[in-house]
Amino acid sequence: MVAYSFKGRFVPLIERRKKTQTMRAIGKKRHVRKGELFTMSTGDRFHPVKFGAARAIIVAPVTLDFEGRHAFWVQQREQAADVQIDIEGPQLDVFAQSDGFEDWADLESFFRQTYAGAPAWSGIRIFWGDTFASLTPAGASTHG
């Protein structure tokens, strides 16, 4: 099963269902596929703490254009041609909030710091919506 690790700041947002997606760079490891279950953890890679699981509803290539204040991903459809979903203006804040950020400026700051100030970023968008299920016993905490 595919597993994703999240920074501690995002765990409470995931648990409260405020963060319903993640964006990841494309690398050597296989990403979750649409319909598959994946686990979520926090902490360092040598001592991960699993806190939840979810099912991938949308898995699609995504591009964030910080210079043009624009984001888009390709929605793959089974019976018809793929469709590009464009996000601009006020919808950028809504998109950023579903990824656990205050707004587009917060998302942009995080990505520019993480990826050396690049004017754009491309990767994969994994949306799980309301499928999150906690693996933490009631009352236990996975974050400080």
C-alpha atoms as a PDB file:
ATOM      1  CA  MET A   1       0.000   0.000   0.000  1.00  0.00           C
ATOM      2  CA  VAL A   2       1.259   3.496  -0.830  1.00  0.00           C
ATOM      3  CA  ALA A   3       1.994   5.744   2.157  1.00  0.00           C
ATOM      4  CA  TYR A   4       2.413   9.508   2.319  1.00  0.00           C
ATOM      5  CA  SER A   5       4.078  11.487   5.087  1.00  0.00           C
ATOM      6  CA  PHE A   6       2.757  14.898   6.120  1.00  0.00           C
ATOM      7  CA  LYS A   7       4.364  17.745   8.029  1.00  0.00           C
ATOM      8  CA  GLY A   8       2.928  18.132  11.523  1.00  0.00           C
ATOM      9  CA  ARG A   9       1.196  21.406  10.623  1.00  0.00           C
ATOM     10  CA  PHE A  10      -1.106  19.535   8.233  1.00  0.00           C
ATOM     11  CA  VAL A  11      -2.177  16.645  10.513  1.00  0.00           C
ATOM     12  CA  PRO A  12      -4.895  18.528  12.467  1.00  0.00           C
ATOM     13  CA  LEU A  13      -6.254  19.933   9.188  1.00  0.00           C
ATOM     14  CA  ILE A  14      -6.484  16.431   7.704  1.00  0.00           C
ATOM     15  CA  GLU A  15      -8.118  15.074  10.870  1.00  0.00           C
ATOM     16  CA  ARG A  16     -10.691  17.919  10.809  1.00  0.00           C
ATOM     17  CA  ARG A  17     -11.230  17.282   7.073  1.00  0.00           C
ATOM     18  CA  LYS A  18     -10.056  20.781   6.117  1.00  0.00           C
ATOM     19  CA  LYS A  19      -7.171  19.400   4.028  1.00  0.00           C
ATOM     20  CA  THR A  20      -8.608  17.024   1.435  1.00  0.00           C
ATOM     21  CA  GLN A  21      -5.770  16.783  -1.063  1.00  0.00           C
ATOM     22  CA  THR A  22      -2.009  16.766  -1.414  1.00  0.00           C
ATOM     23  CA  MET A  23       0.344  17.638  -4.229  1.00  0.00           C
ATOM     24  CA  ARG A  24       3.523  15.645  -4.667  1.00  0.00           C
ATOM     25  CA  ALA A  25       6.556  15.775  -6.926  1.00  0.00           C
ATOM     26  CA  ILE A  26       6.929  12.973  -9.412  1.00  0.00           C
ATOM     27  CA  GLY A  27       9.876  10.800  -8.458  1.00  0.00           C
ATOM     28  CA  LYS A  28      11.073   7.224  -8.453  1.00  0.00           C
ATOM     29  CA  LYS A  29       8.395   5.802  -6.155  1.00  0.00           C
ATOM     30  CA  ARG A  30       4.954   4.897  -7.449  1.00  0.00           C
ATOM     31  CA  HIS A  31       2.090   7.169  -6.458  1.00  0.00           C
ATOM     32  CA  VAL A  32      -1.330   5.964  -5.433  1.00  0.00           C
ATOM     33  CA  ARG A  33      -3.728   5.321  -8.302  1.00  0.00           C
ATOM     34  CA  LYS A  34      -7.328   6.443  -8.543  1.00  0.00           C
ATOM     35  CA  GLY A  35      -9.513   4.238  -6.338  1.00  0.00           C
ATOM     36  CA  GLU A  36      -6.638   2.880  -4.235  1.00  0.00           C
ATOM     37  CA  LEU A  37      -6.366   3.157  -0.476  1.00  0.00           C
ATOM     38  CA  PHE A  38      -3.258   4.822   0.978  1.00  0.00           C
ATOM     39  CA  THR A  39      -1.986   5.494   4.490  1.00  0.00           C
ATOM     40  CA  MET A  40      -0.955   8.779   6.052  1.00  0.00           C
ATOM     41  CA  SER A  41       1.823   9.304   8.573  1.00  0.00           C
ATOM     42  CA  THR A  42       3.763  12.097  10.240  1.00  0.00           C
ATOM     43  CA  GLY A  43       7.203  12.297  11.806  1.00  0.00           C
ATOM     44  CA  ASP A  44      10.567  11.436  10.335  1.00  0.00           C
ATOM     45  CA  ARG A  45      11.057   8.608   7.866  1.00  0.00           C
ATOM     46  CA  PHE A  46      12.740   6.382  10.454  1.00  0.00           C
ATOM     47  CA  HIS A  47       9.958   6.770  13.047  1.00  0.00           C
ATOM     48  CA  PRO A  48       6.731   7.442  11.142  1.00  0.00           C
ATOM     49  CA  VAL A  49       3.482   7.590  13.086  1.00  0.00           C
ATOM     50  CA  LYS A  50       0.481   6.446  11.056  1.00  0.00           C
ATOM     51  CA  PHE A  51      -2.576   8.560  11.748  1.00  0.00           C
ATOM     52  CA  GLY A  52      -5.006   7.834   8.938  1.00  0.00           C
ATOM     53  CA  ALA A  53      -5.936   6.325   5.617  1.00  0.00           C
ATOM     54  CA  ALA A  54      -7.950   7.512   2.639  1.00  0.00           C
ATOM     55  CA  ARG A  55      -8.981   6.496  -0.857  1.00  0.00           C
ATOM     56  CA  ALA A  56      -7.704   8.458  -3.863  1.00  0.00           C
ATOM     57  CA  ILE A  57     -10.674   9.912  -5.738  1.00  0.00           C
ATOM     58  CA  ILE A  58      -8.679  12.051  -8.187  1.00  0.00           C
ATOM     59  CA  VAL A  59      -5.059  11.480  -9.191  1.00  0.00           C
ATOM     60  CA  ALA A  60      -3.994  13.907 -11.903  1.00  0.00           C
ATOM     61  CA  PRO A  61      -1.019  15.899 -13.151  1.00  0.00           C
ATOM     62  CA  VAL A  62      -1.068  19.436 -11.726  1.00  0.00           C
ATOM     63  CA  THR A  63       0.810  22.643 -12.525  1.00  0.00           C
ATOM     64  CA  LEU A  64       1.061  25.697 -10.278  1.00  0.00           C
ATOM     65  CA  ASP A  65       2.071  28.889 -12.087  1.00  0.00           C
ATOM     66  CA  PHE A  66       3.107  31.433  -9.462  1.00  0.00           C
ATOM     67  CA  GLU A  67       4.051  34.139 -11.964  1.00  0.00           C
ATOM     68  CA  GLY A  68       0.653  34.047 -13.698  1.00  0.00           C
ATOM     69  CA  ARG A  69      -1.354  33.238 -10.524  1.00  0.00           C
ATOM     70  CA  HIS A  70      -2.897  30.222 -12.161  1.00  0.00           C
ATOM     71  CA  ALA A  71      -3.248  26.494 -11.440  1.00  0.00           C
ATOM     72  CA  PHE A  72      -4.527  23.676 -13.586  1.00  0.00           C
ATOM     73  CA  TRP A  73      -4.761  19.926 -13.693  1.00  0.00           C
ATOM     74  CA  VAL A  74      -5.899  17.439 -16.272  1.00  0.00           C
ATOM     75  CA  GLN A  75      -9.069  15.613 -15.301  1.00  0.00           C
ATOM     76  CA  GLN A  76      -8.991  12.184 -16.879  1.00  0.00           C
ATOM     77  CA  ARG A  77     -12.371  10.892 -17.975  1.00  0.00           C
ATOM     78  CA  GLU A  78     -13.151   7.292 -18.794  1.00  0.00           C
ATOM     79  CA  GLN A  79     -15.641   7.676 -21.644  1.00  0.00           C
ATOM     80  CA  ALA A  80     -14.527  10.995 -23.166  1.00  0.00           C
ATOM     81  CA  ALA A  81     -11.510  13.162 -23.869  1.00  0.00           C
ATOM     82  CA  ASP A  82      -9.470  14.454 -20.929  1.00  0.00           C
ATOM     83  CA  VAL A  83     -10.419  17.921 -19.714  1.00  0.00           C
ATOM     84  CA  GLN A  84      -8.081  20.604 -18.373  1.00  0.00           C
ATOM     85  CA  ILE A  85      -9.418  22.240 -15.208  1.00  0.00           C
ATOM     86  CA  ASP A  86      -8.158  25.832 -14.829  1.00  0.00           C
ATOM     87  CA  ILE A  87      -8.242  27.748 -11.559  1.00  0.00           C
ATOM     88  CA  GLU A  88      -7.781  31.518 -11.396  1.00  0.00           C
ATOM     89  CA  GLY A  89      -8.752  34.490  -9.254  1.00  0.00           C
ATOM     90  CA  PRO A  90     -10.612  33.871  -5.971  1.00  0.00           C
ATOM     91  CA  GLN A  91     -10.821  30.121  -6.680  1.00  0.00           C
ATOM     92  CA  LEU A  92      -7.039  29.910  -6.118  1.00  0.00           C
ATOM     93  CA  ASP A  93      -7.614  30.571  -2.401  1.00  0.00           C
ATOM     94  CA  VAL A  94     -10.261  27.818  -2.227  1.00  0.00           C
ATOM     95  CA  PHE A  95      -7.876  25.426  -4.003  1.00  0.00           C
ATOM     96  CA  ALA A  96      -5.038  26.344  -1.606  1.00  0.00           C
ATOM     97  CA  GLN A  97      -7.298  25.873   1.431  1.00  0.00           C
ATOM     98  CA  SER A  98      -8.214  22.334   0.314  1.00  0.00           C
ATOM     99  CA  ASP A  99      -4.466  21.645   0.450  1.00  0.00           C
ATOM    100  CA  GLY A 100      -4.141  22.957   4.013  1.00  0.00           C
ATOM    101  CA  PHE A 101      -2.961  26.510   3.353  1.00  0.00           C
ATOM    102  CA  GLU A 102      -4.486  29.818   4.468  1.00  0.00           C
ATOM    103  CA  ASP A 103      -4.679  31.077   0.889  1.00  0.00           C
ATOM    104  CA  TRP A 104      -2.817  31.059  -2.449  1.00  0.00           C
ATOM    105  CA  ALA A 105      -0.061  33.335  -1.052  1.00  0.00           C
ATOM    106  CA  ASP A 106       0.607  30.841   1.782  1.00  0.00           C
ATOM    107  CA  LEU A 107       0.711  27.943  -0.712  1.00  0.00           C
ATOM    108  CA  GLU A 108       3.034  29.916  -3.003  1.00  0.00           C
ATOM    109  CA  SER A 109       5.375  30.762  -0.125  1.00  0.00           C
ATOM    110  CA  PHE A 110       5.561  27.103   0.951  1.00  0.00           C
ATOM    111  CA  PHE A 111       6.251  25.827  -2.583  1.00  0.00           C
ATOM    112  CA  ARG A 112       8.815  28.546  -3.352  1.00  0.00           C
ATOM    113  CA  GLN A 113      10.696  27.741  -0.115  1.00  0.00           C
ATOM    114  CA  THR A 114      10.478  23.990  -0.673  1.00  0.00           C
ATOM    115  CA  TYR A 115      11.391  24.085  -4.377  1.00  0.00           C
ATOM    116  CA  ALA A 116      14.042  26.859  -4.450  1.00  0.00           C
ATOM    117  CA  GLY A 117      11.883  29.773  -5.578  1.00  0.00           C
ATOM    118  CA  ALA A 118      10.737  28.257  -8.865  1.00  0.00           C
ATOM    119  CA  PRO A 119       8.211  30.412 -10.807  1.00  0.00           C
ATOM    120  CA  ALA A 120       6.136  27.273 -11.504  1.00  0.00           C
ATOM    121  CA  TRP A 121       5.826  23.751 -10.142  1.00  0.00           C
ATOM    122  CA  SER A 122       4.487  20.556 -11.720  1.00  0.00           C
ATOM    123  CA  GLY A 123       3.646  17.314 -10.002  1.00  0.00           C
ATOM    124  CA  ILE A 124       0.669  15.166  -9.126  1.00  0.00           C
ATOM    125  CA  ARG A 125      -2.550  16.101  -7.299  1.00  0.00           C
ATOM    126  CA  ILE A 126      -4.088  13.472  -5.038  1.00  0.00           C
ATOM    127  CA  PHE A 127      -7.603  14.317  -3.849  1.00  0.00           C
ATOM    128  CA  TRP A 128      -9.266  12.103  -1.233  1.00  0.00           C
ATOM    129  CA  GLY A 129     -12.242  14.310  -0.348  1.00  0.00           C
ATOM    130  CA  ASP A 130     -14.215  12.956   2.601  1.00  0.00           C
ATOM    131  CA  THR A 131     -12.735   9.423   2.525  1.00  0.00           C
ATOM    132  CA  PHE A 132     -10.240  10.063   5.374  1.00  0.00           C
ATOM    133  CA  ALA A 133     -10.445   7.591   8.272  1.00  0.00           C
ATOM    134  CA  SER A 134      -8.429   8.053  11.447  1.00  0.00           C
ATOM    135  CA  LEU A 135      -6.114   5.261  12.596  1.00  0.00           C
ATOM    136  CA  THR A 136      -5.457   7.026  15.902  1.00  0.00           C
ATOM    137  CA  PRO A 137      -7.396   5.803  18.961  1.00  0.00           C
ATOM    138  CA  ALA A 138      -9.867   8.388  20.278  1.00  0.00           C
ATOM    139  CA  GLY A 139      -8.137  10.881  22.533  1.00  0.00           C
ATOM    140  CA  ALA A 140      -4.602  10.039  21.335  1.00  0.00           C
ATOM    141  CA  SER A 141      -2.532  12.688  19.600  1.00  0.00           C
ATOM    142  CA  THR A 142      -0.127  12.290  16.679  1.00  0.00           C
ATOM    143  CA  HIS A 143       1.139  15.849  16.896  1.00  0.00           C
ATOM    144  CA  GLY A 144       2.426  18.176  19.555  1.00  0.00           C
END
